[in-house]
Protein backbone atom coordinates (compact mmCIF):
# COMPACT_ATOMS: atom_id res chain seq x y z
CA MET A 1 126.82 74.00 137.69
CA GLY A 2 126.66 70.28 136.90
CA ASP A 3 123.26 70.59 135.21
CA ASP A 4 124.50 73.51 133.12
CA ALA A 5 127.51 71.47 131.99
CA VAL A 6 125.28 68.58 130.94
CA THR A 7 122.97 70.97 129.05
CA ASP A 8 125.87 72.61 127.21
CA GLU A 9 127.32 69.21 126.29
CA ALA A 10 123.97 68.01 124.97
CA ALA A 11 123.55 71.17 122.91
CA GLU A 12 127.04 70.75 121.44
CA GLU A 13 126.31 67.12 120.56
CA ALA A 14 123.06 68.17 118.88
CA ILE A 15 124.91 70.70 116.74
CA GLN A 16 127.51 68.10 115.76
CA ASP A 17 124.79 65.58 114.92
CA ALA A 18 123.02 68.16 112.73
CA GLY A 19 126.24 68.69 110.81
CA LYS A 20 126.50 64.93 110.14
CA VAL A 21 122.95 64.59 108.82
CA GLU A 22 122.70 63.14 105.33
CA LEU A 23 120.15 65.29 103.54
CA GLY A 24 119.40 62.68 100.89
CA VAL A 25 118.70 62.64 97.17
CA ASN A 26 115.19 64.09 97.56
CA TYR A 27 116.59 67.17 99.25
CA TRP A 28 119.13 67.75 96.50
CA ARG A 29 116.44 67.43 93.85
CA LEU A 30 114.42 70.06 95.68
CA TRP A 31 117.55 72.18 96.15
CA THR A 32 118.39 72.06 92.44
CA ALA A 33 114.80 72.81 91.46
CA SER A 34 114.79 75.80 93.81
CA VAL A 35 118.06 77.16 92.43
CA ILE A 36 116.87 76.91 88.82
CA SER A 37 113.45 78.35 89.59
CA ASN A 38 114.95 81.25 91.55
CA LEU A 39 117.33 82.02 88.70
CA GLY A 40 114.27 82.33 86.46
CA ASP A 41 112.53 84.51 89.06
CA GLY A 42 115.53 86.83 89.09
CA VAL A 43 115.39 87.14 85.30
CA ALA A 44 111.63 87.77 85.47
CA PHE A 45 112.16 90.51 88.07
CA ILE A 46 113.71 92.61 85.31
CA ALA A 47 111.80 91.31 82.30
CA TYR A 48 108.20 91.90 83.43
CA PRO A 49 108.42 95.49 84.70
CA TRP A 50 110.65 96.49 81.79
CA LEU A 51 108.14 94.99 79.36
CA ALA A 52 105.28 96.78 81.12
CA SER A 53 107.12 100.10 80.78
CA ALA A 54 107.69 99.36 77.06
CA VAL A 55 103.97 98.73 76.56
CA THR A 56 102.60 101.75 78.46
CA ARG A 57 103.83 104.82 80.36
CA ASN A 58 100.50 105.34 82.11
CA GLY A 59 100.93 105.06 85.87
CA LEU A 60 97.48 103.62 86.47
CA LEU A 61 97.88 100.94 83.78
CA ILE A 62 101.25 99.99 85.23
CA GLY A 63 99.60 99.79 88.64
CA LEU A 64 96.81 97.55 87.31
CA ILE A 65 99.39 94.95 86.26
CA ALA A 66 100.54 94.88 89.88
CA VAL A 67 96.88 94.53 90.88
CA ALA A 68 96.50 91.52 88.59
CA GLN A 69 99.57 89.90 90.14
CA ARG A 70 98.31 90.36 93.71
CA LEU A 71 94.53 89.99 93.30
CA PRO A 72 94.67 86.17 93.58
CA TRP A 73 96.12 86.55 97.07
CA LEU A 74 92.88 88.29 98.00
CA VAL A 75 90.35 86.01 96.31
CA PHE A 76 92.08 82.61 96.18
CA THR A 77 94.24 82.39 99.29
CA LEU A 78 91.56 80.84 101.52
CA PRO A 79 90.52 78.07 99.09
CA ALA A 80 94.22 77.41 98.40
CA GLY A 81 94.72 76.69 102.10
CA VAL A 82 91.98 74.05 102.02
CA ILE A 83 93.46 72.43 98.91
CA THR A 84 96.94 72.37 100.46
CA ASP A 85 95.65 70.54 103.53
CA ARG A 86 93.91 67.86 101.39
CA VAL A 87 96.15 67.22 98.35
CA ASP A 88 99.70 65.93 97.97
CA ARG A 89 101.79 69.10 98.16
CA ARG A 90 104.46 67.82 95.76
CA LYS A 91 101.86 67.31 93.05
CA ILE A 92 100.52 70.81 93.65
CA MET A 93 104.00 72.29 93.19
CA VAL A 94 104.60 70.35 89.98
CA SER A 95 101.22 71.22 88.47
CA MET A 96 101.55 74.90 89.21
CA ASP A 97 105.10 75.10 87.85
CA VAL A 98 103.84 73.53 84.62
CA VAL A 99 101.05 76.11 84.46
CA ARG A 100 103.51 78.94 85.07
CA ALA A 101 105.83 77.61 82.36
CA ALA A 102 102.94 77.54 79.87
CA LEU A 103 101.82 81.07 80.74
CA THR A 104 105.36 82.42 80.41
CA VAL A 105 105.73 80.77 76.99
CA VAL A 106 102.54 82.54 75.86
CA VAL A 107 103.96 85.88 76.99
CA GLY A 108 107.24 85.07 75.25
CA PHE A 109 105.55 84.42 71.90
CA ALA A 110 103.37 87.53 72.29
CA VAL A 111 106.49 89.65 72.84
CA LEU A 112 108.27 87.90 69.95
CA ALA A 113 105.40 88.83 67.64
CA ARG A 114 105.73 92.52 68.61
CA GLN A 115 109.50 92.59 69.06
CA GLY A 116 110.10 94.62 65.92
CA VAL A 117 107.99 97.56 67.14
CA LEU A 118 108.85 97.58 70.85
CA PRO A 119 111.25 100.37 71.89
CA ALA A 120 114.84 99.41 72.70
CA PRO A 121 115.84 99.15 76.39
CA GLU A 122 117.90 102.34 76.25
CA GLU A 123 114.93 104.24 74.77
CA ILE A 124 112.72 103.00 77.62
CA ALA A 125 115.30 104.03 80.21
CA ALA A 126 115.26 107.54 78.76
CA GLY A 127 111.53 107.83 79.53
CA LEU A 128 110.37 107.61 75.92
CA GLU A 129 106.77 108.73 75.40
CA LEU A 130 104.73 106.10 73.61
CA THR A 131 101.20 105.01 72.84
CA THR A 132 99.93 102.07 74.87
CA ASP A 133 100.11 98.77 72.96
CA GLY A 134 96.63 97.52 73.82
CA THR A 135 97.02 93.94 72.59
CA LEU A 136 100.29 93.24 74.38
CA TYR A 137 99.03 95.02 77.50
CA ILE A 138 95.99 92.71 77.70
CA VAL A 139 98.23 89.65 77.27
CA LEU A 140 100.50 90.87 80.05
CA LEU A 141 97.56 91.72 82.31
CA LEU A 142 95.84 88.33 81.90
CA ALA A 143 99.10 86.38 82.20
CA SER A 144 99.89 88.24 85.42
CA LEU A 145 96.46 87.36 86.82
CA PHE A 146 96.60 83.64 85.99
CA PHE A 147 100.23 83.48 87.05
CA GLY A 148 99.17 84.89 90.40
CA PHE A 149 96.57 82.15 90.94
CA ALA A 150 99.18 79.48 90.23
CA GLU A 151 101.67 81.20 92.53
CA VAL A 152 99.23 81.29 95.45
CA LEU A 153 98.61 77.56 95.34
CA ARG A 154 102.21 76.60 94.60
CA ASP A 155 103.75 78.75 97.34
CA ASN A 156 101.23 77.66 99.96
CA ALA A 157 102.16 74.02 99.24
CA ALA A 158 105.90 74.70 99.12
CA GLN A 159 105.90 76.08 102.66
CA THR A 160 105.43 72.64 104.17
CA ILE A 161 107.35 70.22 101.95
CA LEU A 162 110.90 70.54 103.34
CA PRO A 163 110.10 69.24 106.86
CA ALA A 164 108.66 66.13 105.16
CA ILE A 165 111.94 65.55 103.27
CA VAL A 166 114.54 66.36 105.92
CA GLU A 167 114.50 65.07 109.49
CA PRO A 168 114.06 67.78 112.18
CA ARG A 169 117.69 67.84 113.34
CA GLY A 170 118.83 68.53 109.77
CA LEU A 171 116.40 71.34 108.95
CA GLU A 172 118.72 74.16 109.96
CA LYS A 173 121.49 72.79 107.74
CA ALA A 174 119.05 72.16 104.87
CA ASN A 175 117.54 75.64 105.11
CA GLY A 176 120.94 77.30 105.31
CA GLN A 177 122.21 75.56 102.19
CA MET A 178 119.02 76.31 100.29
CA TRP A 179 118.36 79.95 101.07
CA GLY A 180 121.96 80.99 100.49
CA ILE A 181 122.03 79.71 96.92
CA GLU A 182 118.47 80.95 96.34
CA MET A 183 119.59 84.44 97.32
CA VAL A 184 122.54 84.31 94.92
CA ALA A 185 120.44 83.02 92.00
CA ASN A 186 117.42 85.25 92.66
CA SER A 187 119.09 88.53 93.53
CA PHE A 188 122.67 88.61 92.30
CA VAL A 189 122.73 86.45 89.15
CA GLY A 190 119.17 86.48 87.78
CA PRO A 191 118.47 90.24 87.47
CA PRO A 192 121.73 91.17 85.70
CA LEU A 193 121.28 88.14 83.44
CA GLY A 194 117.75 89.33 82.69
CA SER A 195 119.01 92.78 81.70
CA LEU A 196 121.56 91.19 79.35
CA LEU A 197 118.93 88.91 77.78
CA ILE A 198 116.63 91.88 77.18
CA GLY A 199 119.48 93.58 75.35
CA VAL A 200 119.75 90.59 73.01
CA ALA A 201 116.02 90.18 72.37
CA PHE A 202 113.00 91.38 74.34
CA SER A 203 111.35 87.95 74.21
CA LEU A 204 114.43 85.97 75.29
CA PRO A 205 114.13 86.35 79.10
CA PHE A 206 110.55 85.04 78.99
CA PHE A 207 111.51 81.86 77.17
CA PHE A 208 114.42 81.44 79.60
CA ASP A 209 112.06 81.87 82.58
CA ALA A 210 109.60 79.34 81.12
CA GLY A 211 112.41 76.84 80.76
CA THR A 212 113.37 77.19 84.43
CA PHE A 213 109.79 76.45 85.50
CA ALA A 214 109.71 73.34 83.32
CA VAL A 215 113.01 72.01 84.68
CA ALA A 216 111.98 72.76 88.27
CA ALA A 217 108.68 70.91 87.76
CA ALA A 218 110.52 67.84 86.43
CA LEU A 219 112.92 67.80 89.38
CA VAL A 220 110.15 68.12 91.98
CA TRP A 221 108.17 65.41 90.17
CA ILE A 222 110.92 62.82 90.67
CA ILE A 223 111.06 63.46 94.43
CA SER A 224 109.86 60.23 96.00
CA GLY A 225 107.30 60.01 98.77
CA THR A 226 103.87 61.25 99.73
CA PHE A 227 103.44 64.77 101.03
CA ARG A 228 99.97 65.08 102.47
CA ALA A 229 98.98 66.87 105.67
CA ASP A 230 97.90 64.87 108.70
CA GLY A 231 94.38 63.56 108.08
CA ALA A 232 94.45 64.42 104.36
CA ALA A 233 94.14 60.79 103.29
CA GLU A 234 90.94 60.35 105.25
CA ALA A 235 89.56 63.65 103.92
CA ALA A 236 90.46 62.87 100.30
CA GLY A 237 87.42 60.69 99.73
CA THR A 238 84.97 63.12 101.27
CA LYS A 239 83.25 66.10 99.77
CA VAL A 240 85.05 69.36 100.43
CA ASN A 241 83.16 71.56 102.86
CA TRP A 242 84.72 74.77 101.61
CA ARG A 243 82.79 77.06 103.92
CA GLY A 244 83.36 74.88 106.97
CA GLU A 245 87.09 74.28 106.42
CA ILE A 246 87.81 77.91 105.56
CA SER A 247 85.75 79.03 108.55
CA GLU A 248 87.74 76.76 110.86
CA GLY A 249 91.04 78.32 109.80
CA PHE A 250 89.60 81.83 109.73
CA GLY A 251 87.97 81.42 113.12
CA TRP A 252 91.17 80.10 114.73
CA LEU A 253 93.15 83.13 113.58
CA TRP A 254 90.40 85.65 114.28
CA ARG A 255 89.99 84.45 117.84
CA HIS A 256 93.72 84.65 118.50
CA PRO A 257 94.39 87.89 120.41
CA LEU A 258 97.81 88.49 118.81
CA LEU A 259 97.76 86.95 115.32
CA ARG A 260 94.57 88.80 114.38
CA PRO A 261 95.96 92.34 114.87
CA MET A 262 99.35 91.22 113.54
CA ALA A 263 97.75 90.02 110.29
CA ILE A 264 95.71 93.22 109.92
CA ILE A 265 98.72 95.45 110.60
CA LEU A 266 100.83 93.51 108.13
CA GLY A 267 98.10 93.80 105.51
CA LEU A 268 98.09 97.58 105.89
CA MET A 269 101.89 97.67 105.72
CA ASN A 270 101.95 95.60 102.54
CA GLY A 271 99.20 97.71 101.03
CA LEU A 272 101.29 100.83 101.65
CA GLY A 273 104.30 99.02 100.23
CA MET A 274 102.45 98.42 96.98
CA VAL A 275 101.45 102.10 96.80
CA THR A 276 105.12 102.75 96.07
CA ALA A 277 106.02 99.49 94.31
CA ALA A 278 103.26 99.70 91.69
CA THR A 279 105.03 102.44 89.70
CA LEU A 280 108.58 101.78 90.87
CA VAL A 281 109.86 101.00 87.37
CA LEU A 282 108.68 104.41 86.11
CA PHE A 283 110.21 106.14 89.15
CA ALA A 284 113.49 104.33 88.57
CA GLN A 285 113.59 105.16 84.87
CA GLU A 286 112.40 108.76 84.85
CA VAL A 287 113.48 110.13 88.23
CA LEU A 288 116.54 108.04 89.06
CA GLY A 289 117.60 107.63 85.43
CA THR A 290 118.42 103.92 85.65
CA SER A 291 119.24 101.67 82.73
CA ALA A 292 117.99 98.07 82.65
CA PHE A 293 121.28 96.92 84.19
CA GLU A 294 121.20 99.59 86.91
CA PHE A 295 117.60 98.67 87.68
CA ALA A 296 118.79 95.09 88.11
CA ILE A 297 121.55 96.20 90.47
CA LEU A 298 119.03 98.31 92.40
CA GLY A 299 117.44 95.10 93.64
CA THR A 300 120.69 93.82 95.08
CA GLY A 301 120.47 96.47 97.79
CA ALA A 302 117.41 94.71 99.15
CA ALA A 303 119.16 91.35 98.83
CA ILE A 304 122.21 92.52 100.79
CA GLY A 305 119.96 93.94 103.50
CA GLY A 306 118.10 90.65 103.63
CA LEU A 307 121.33 88.69 103.83
CA ALA A 308 122.50 90.81 106.77
CA GLY A 309 119.10 90.42 108.37
CA THR A 310 119.18 86.64 108.31
CA PHE A 311 122.44 86.67 110.27
CA LEU A 312 121.70 89.54 112.65
CA ALA A 313 117.93 89.86 113.05
CA SER A 314 117.55 87.15 115.68
CA LYS A 315 120.38 88.71 117.69
CA VAL A 316 118.72 92.13 117.46
CA SER A 317 115.42 90.62 118.55
CA ASP A 318 117.04 88.86 121.50
CA LYS A 319 118.82 92.04 122.53
CA LEU A 320 115.97 94.51 122.14
CA GLY A 321 112.96 92.28 122.59
CA SER A 322 110.45 91.16 119.96
CA GLY A 323 108.04 94.05 120.50
CA THR A 324 110.76 96.71 120.27
CA SER A 325 112.09 95.06 117.12
CA LEU A 326 108.69 95.23 115.44
CA PHE A 327 108.40 98.87 116.50
CA LEU A 328 111.73 99.59 114.79
CA THR A 329 110.43 98.04 111.57
CA LEU A 330 107.40 100.31 111.66
CA LEU A 331 109.53 103.34 112.49
CA ALA A 332 111.86 102.62 109.59
CA SER A 333 108.81 102.37 107.34
CA VAL A 334 108.04 106.01 108.15
CA PHE A 335 111.45 107.45 107.30
CA ILE A 336 112.70 105.26 104.44
CA PRO A 337 109.94 106.25 101.95
CA VAL A 338 110.75 109.92 102.64
CA ILE A 339 114.43 109.31 101.87
CA ILE A 340 113.56 107.52 98.64
CA GLY A 341 110.94 110.09 97.67
CA ILE A 342 113.40 113.00 97.80
CA SER A 343 116.26 111.07 96.15
CA SER A 344 117.46 111.58 92.60
CA HIS A 345 120.27 109.00 92.46
CA TRP A 346 119.72 105.28 92.37
CA LEU A 347 122.61 104.51 94.75
CA ILE A 348 120.79 106.29 97.60
CA VAL A 349 117.69 104.25 96.87
CA TRP A 350 119.83 101.11 96.69
CA ALA A 351 121.06 101.76 100.24
CA ALA A 352 117.53 102.59 101.46
CA PHE A 353 116.23 99.32 100.03
CA GLY A 354 118.92 97.48 101.97
CA LEU A 355 117.93 99.13 105.25
CA PHE A 356 114.25 98.48 104.63
CA THR A 357 114.76 94.81 103.86
CA PHE A 358 116.90 94.37 106.96
CA THR A 359 113.95 95.58 109.04
CA ALA A 360 111.61 93.37 107.00
CA ILE A 361 113.71 90.34 107.90
CA LEU A 362 113.63 91.48 111.52
CA TRP A 363 109.84 91.51 111.35
CA ASN A 364 109.66 88.10 109.68
CA VAL A 365 112.15 86.37 111.96
CA ILE A 366 109.77 87.12 114.81
CA THR A 367 106.41 86.60 113.15
CA VAL A 368 107.18 83.55 110.98
CA SER A 369 108.66 81.55 113.85
CA LEU A 370 105.78 82.63 116.09
CA ARG A 371 103.19 81.36 113.62
CA GLN A 372 104.97 78.09 112.94
CA THR A 373 105.37 77.50 116.67
CA ILE A 374 101.78 78.06 117.77
CA ILE A 375 99.52 77.09 114.84
CA PRO A 376 98.32 73.43 115.04
CA ASP A 377 99.74 71.27 112.21
CA ARG A 378 96.33 70.13 110.96
CA LEU A 379 95.35 73.80 110.51
CA LEU A 380 98.69 75.14 109.29
CA GLY A 381 97.74 75.41 105.63
CA ARG A 382 94.38 77.05 106.33
CA VAL A 383 95.53 79.43 109.06
CA ASN A 384 98.55 80.48 106.98
CA SER A 385 96.23 81.10 104.06
CA VAL A 386 93.98 83.29 106.23
CA TYR A 387 97.03 85.16 107.50
CA ARG A 388 98.07 85.76 103.92
CA PHE A 389 94.56 86.79 103.00
CA PHE A 390 95.09 89.76 105.30
CA ALA A 391 98.81 90.16 104.61
CA TRP A 392 98.55 90.07 100.81
CA GLY A 393 94.93 91.02 100.30
CA MET A 394 95.63 94.74 100.65
CA MET A 395 98.26 94.67 97.90
CA PRO A 396 95.86 95.03 94.94
CA ILE A 397 94.21 97.99 96.67
CA GLY A 398 97.60 99.56 97.34
CA SER A 399 98.59 99.11 93.71
CA VAL A 400 95.47 100.89 92.49
CA ILE A 401 96.05 103.74 94.93
CA GLY A 402 99.65 104.05 93.79
CA GLY A 403 98.65 104.27 90.14
CA LEU A 404 95.88 106.77 90.87
CA LEU A 405 98.25 108.95 92.88
CA VAL A 406 100.60 109.21 89.90
CA VAL A 407 97.83 109.95 87.41
CA GLY A 408 96.05 112.39 89.75
CA THR A 409 99.18 114.30 90.71
CA GLU A 410 100.33 114.50 87.11
CA ALA A 411 97.01 116.11 86.18
CA VAL A 412 97.76 119.09 88.46
CA GLY A 413 101.55 119.01 88.72
CA SER A 414 104.71 117.77 87.07
CA ARG A 415 105.45 114.18 86.01
CA GLU A 416 108.41 114.04 88.40
CA LEU A 417 106.31 115.14 91.39
CA ALA A 418 103.69 112.56 90.39
CA LEU A 419 106.25 109.73 90.47
CA ARG A 420 107.57 110.90 93.86
CA MET A 421 104.14 111.37 95.45
CA PRO A 422 103.43 107.68 96.35
CA TRP A 423 106.49 107.64 98.60
CA PHE A 424 105.37 110.72 100.53
CA VAL A 425 101.80 109.48 100.93
CA ALA A 426 103.02 106.10 102.16
CA ALA A 427 105.28 107.75 104.74
CA ALA A 428 102.40 109.84 106.09
CA ALA A 429 100.12 106.81 106.35
CA TYR A 430 102.81 104.83 108.19
CA VAL A 431 102.77 107.45 110.96
CA PHE A 432 99.14 106.60 111.74
CA LEU A 433 99.81 102.86 111.45
CA LEU A 434 102.72 103.12 113.88
CA THR A 435 100.46 104.81 116.43
CA TYR A 436 97.87 102.05 116.08
CA ALA A 437 100.28 99.10 116.09
CA ALA A 438 102.76 100.00 118.84
CA PRO A 439 100.54 99.14 121.85
CA LYS A 440 99.30 95.90 120.26
CA LEU A 441 102.66 94.30 119.40
CA THR A 442 104.58 94.46 122.67
CA THR A 443 107.22 91.98 123.78
CA GLU A 444 105.05 90.88 126.69
CA LYS A 445 102.09 90.04 124.45
CA ILE A 446 104.26 88.22 121.90
CA GLU A 447 106.05 86.05 124.45
CA ALA A 448 102.82 85.27 126.29
CA ALA A 449 101.24 84.09 123.02
CA ARG A 450 104.32 81.99 122.22
CA ALA A 451 104.27 80.28 125.63
CA GLU A 452 100.55 79.59 125.39
CA GLY A 453 100.90 78.16 121.88
CA ILE A 454 103.78 75.88 122.85
CA ALA A 455 101.85 74.56 125.83
CA ALA A 456 98.82 73.82 123.64
CA LYS A 457 100.88 71.96 121.03
CA GLU A 458 102.72 69.95 123.66
CA ALA A 459 99.41 68.95 125.20
CA ALA A 460 98.26 67.77 121.75
CA GLY A 461 101.49 65.81 121.20
CA GLU A 462 102.66 68.01 118.30
CA SER A 463 106.17 69.25 117.60
CA THR A 464 106.92 72.78 118.76
CA THR A 465 110.04 73.15 116.61
CA PRO A 466 109.52 75.53 113.66
CA GLY A 467 110.19 73.88 110.32
CA MET A 468 111.22 76.23 107.54
CA VAL A 469 111.77 79.43 109.48
CA VAL A 470 114.83 80.64 107.56
CA ASP A 471 113.42 79.81 104.14
CA ASP A 472 110.03 81.33 104.94
CA VAL A 473 111.64 84.47 106.34
CA ILE A 474 113.52 84.99 103.07
CA ALA A 475 110.42 84.29 101.01
CA GLU A 476 108.22 86.56 103.08
CA SER A 477 110.62 89.51 102.99
CA GLY A 478 109.92 90.52 99.40
CA ILE A 479 113.49 89.82 98.23
CA PRO A 480 114.66 90.58 95.57
CA GLY A 481 113.73 93.99 94.27
CA ALA A 482 111.63 96.68 95.78
CA PRO A 483 111.15 96.35 99.54
CA PRO A 484 107.43 95.61 99.67
CA PRO A 485 105.90 93.29 100.59
CA LEU A 486 107.00 92.42 104.09
CA ASP A 487 105.24 89.05 104.03
CA ASP A 488 105.17 86.66 101.11
CA ASP A 489 105.47 82.98 100.98
């Protein structure tokens, strides 16, 4: 009884101390940069797919834009992990935000040049038939590809910077203040603002988005300090052994009996997610009949589900067990695409997105904290990059399959059936994935891996406290917008 009282008192004091932590000027610079950048991301969530649907109505061409966005996660993720573990992560973030600002400006001017001939938003929402604008399509395709490369490197670096700015006992407070405002900017303010900007001028949201990247880069630039991984200074003057360093991270994950199947399963899940997401804008416009504003609101369903998940997912996991919780995510992935596929009203899909994202947060609460707890710090960038190689690498393939399903079904059936078909195919594939994954992701195996990882890190003198769990969970959930992918940042 006495020991329990001492433990409870110590825990209460720790909570009170965390509340008194001064987060510092560097944190608030990062916080402001994140808010501004996420506002731009929310605007872009509407602007890019709506532009793509104004340039072409071909399902495969729409899918190829999604391929371009995700292809860098397949081909560049592993080298990005090596770079992140050797270079100052703040400088990486600044450089990549500058690159993304420049690319978005190029898209903005390309749209401005064609603005007089692009269909109005209400014409697009009505499913207007049009001839593909080849020039603008190529600009959009290439910009999406290069943007993806910058995003891979920037996001891999951003994962590790907050623990270097805020002391460990203040991380929970720092994360809570950051992800809440990110959610508001990204999901509730940005998309409706994007739909309004499109109504004023098609090019306007792109210039707005470019401006947010530029401001975010400036704010991160003035954050003081050095943000290199342990041992990066010594490695900086040596020649990069790309094969050796990638192999070390790849080998560590591949030899791990739980993270290997978890990464493979997640990759298949995200690939199936992109089967449906690749042509979502066409499905929303032609089957659900959404306007640009309604399409923006559609994404808030996922955001609300994610918000509920961040508060409740850990409690669900504690109550049901980590393995059972992951099973529920997979089970939901079977039924939710069927519900969406047979729906004809966007409010039903809005609710389905919310349920899906709740289960996505449930998945990420378990898997993100597990990874951050057991992966050695010196390998964190590389192992995370390998994990994302699997988790995100299937997305380009899924996007192609989604586009082909629409084009192939339309050749033998109706346009409406073609736009519904990716949802039905994804649901069927999830049944087989559920059968494969269930025996591999049990509570017993997860907790055994966690205990073994903690023991190994303690023996090496490393911290076993996860750093950015809340922020990474939000980032890896695919919020805002369409549910896929389950794992992101």
